[in-house]
């Protein structure tokens, strides 16, 4: 199956199917991530599309 990611305006709510999110970089963060806009980096979201 293909992957999909749909988000509302301003990305407040998102719905995804068959996606991969890489959270391994968050282990090294020392500050709280709540309300941060730089939590995910380029390449941290992936999936399968035909």
C-alpha atoms as a PDB file:
ATOM      1  CA  UNK A   1       0.000   0.000   0.000  1.00  0.00           C
ATOM      2  CA  UNK A   2       1.103   3.565  -0.666  1.00  0.00           C
ATOM      3  CA  UNK A   3       1.856   6.021   2.130  1.00  0.00           C
ATOM      4  CA  UNK A   4      -0.115   9.192   2.724  1.00  0.00           C
ATOM      5  CA  UNK A   5       0.056  12.156   5.097  1.00  0.00           C
ATOM      6  CA  UNK A   6      -2.722  14.748   5.269  1.00  0.00           C
ATOM      7  CA  UNK A   7      -2.556  17.768   7.578  1.00  0.00           C
ATOM      8  CA  UNK A   8      -4.949  20.557   8.469  1.00  0.00           C
ATOM      9  CA  UNK A   9      -4.077  24.207   8.057  1.00  0.00           C
ATOM     10  CA  UNK A  10      -0.935  25.119  10.030  1.00  0.00           C
ATOM     11  CA  UNK A  11      -0.324  21.364  10.545  1.00  0.00           C
ATOM     12  CA  UNK A  12      -2.246  21.353  13.816  1.00  0.00           C
ATOM     13  CA  UNK A  13      -3.760  17.949  13.088  1.00  0.00           C
ATOM     14  CA  UNK A  14      -2.321  15.275  10.799  1.00  0.00           C
ATOM     15  CA  UNK A  15      -3.471  11.862   9.641  1.00  0.00           C
ATOM     16  CA  UNK A  16      -1.037   9.383   8.147  1.00  0.00           C
ATOM     17  CA  UNK A  17      -1.045   5.886   6.710  1.00  0.00           C
ATOM     18  CA  UNK A  18       1.966   3.590   6.207  1.00  0.00           C
ATOM     19  CA  UNK A  19       4.505   6.247   7.180  1.00  0.00           C
ATOM     20  CA  UNK A  20       7.783   6.106   9.098  1.00  0.00           C
ATOM     21  CA  UNK A  21       8.811   8.835  11.540  1.00  0.00           C
ATOM     22  CA  UNK A  22      12.378   8.749  12.849  1.00  0.00           C
ATOM     23  CA  UNK A  23      12.512  10.005  16.458  1.00  0.00           C
ATOM     24  CA  UNK A  24      16.101   8.883  17.192  1.00  0.00           C
ATOM     25  CA  UNK A  25      17.445  12.466  17.094  1.00  0.00           C
ATOM     26  CA  UNK A  26      15.162  13.434  19.989  1.00  0.00           C
ATOM     27  CA  UNK A  27      17.193  11.315  22.443  1.00  0.00           C
ATOM     28  CA  UNK A  28      20.047  13.833  22.305  1.00  0.00           C
ATOM     29  CA  UNK A  29      17.927  16.936  22.932  1.00  0.00           C
ATOM     30  CA  UNK A  30      18.256  18.423  26.398  1.00  0.00           C
ATOM     31  CA  UNK A  31      15.555  21.109  26.258  1.00  0.00           C
ATOM     32  CA  UNK A  32      11.810  20.346  26.337  1.00  0.00           C
ATOM     33  CA  UNK A  33      10.328  19.900  22.847  1.00  0.00           C
ATOM     34  CA  UNK A  34       6.799  21.021  23.647  1.00  0.00           C
ATOM     35  CA  UNK A  35       5.774  23.905  21.358  1.00  0.00           C
ATOM     36  CA  UNK A  36       9.004  23.581  19.340  1.00  0.00           C
ATOM     37  CA  UNK A  37       8.820  23.832  15.556  1.00  0.00           C
ATOM     38  CA  UNK A  38      12.149  22.133  14.823  1.00  0.00           C
ATOM     39  CA  UNK A  39      11.404  18.676  16.259  1.00  0.00           C
ATOM     40  CA  UNK A  40      11.632  16.818  12.934  1.00  0.00           C
ATOM     41  CA  UNK A  41      14.449  17.321  10.459  1.00  0.00           C
ATOM     42  CA  UNK A  42      14.753  16.733   6.733  1.00  0.00           C
ATOM     43  CA  UNK A  43      14.466  13.014   6.071  1.00  0.00           C
ATOM     44  CA  UNK A  44      12.780  12.141   9.399  1.00  0.00           C
ATOM     45  CA  UNK A  45       9.453  11.342   7.693  1.00  0.00           C
ATOM     46  CA  UNK A  46       9.363   8.646   5.063  1.00  0.00           C
ATOM     47  CA  UNK A  47       7.082   6.165   3.417  1.00  0.00           C
ATOM     48  CA  UNK A  48       6.404   4.117   0.335  1.00  0.00           C
ATOM     49  CA  UNK A  49       4.917   5.568  -2.831  1.00  0.00           C
ATOM     50  CA  UNK A  50       4.542   3.890  -6.200  1.00  0.00           C
END
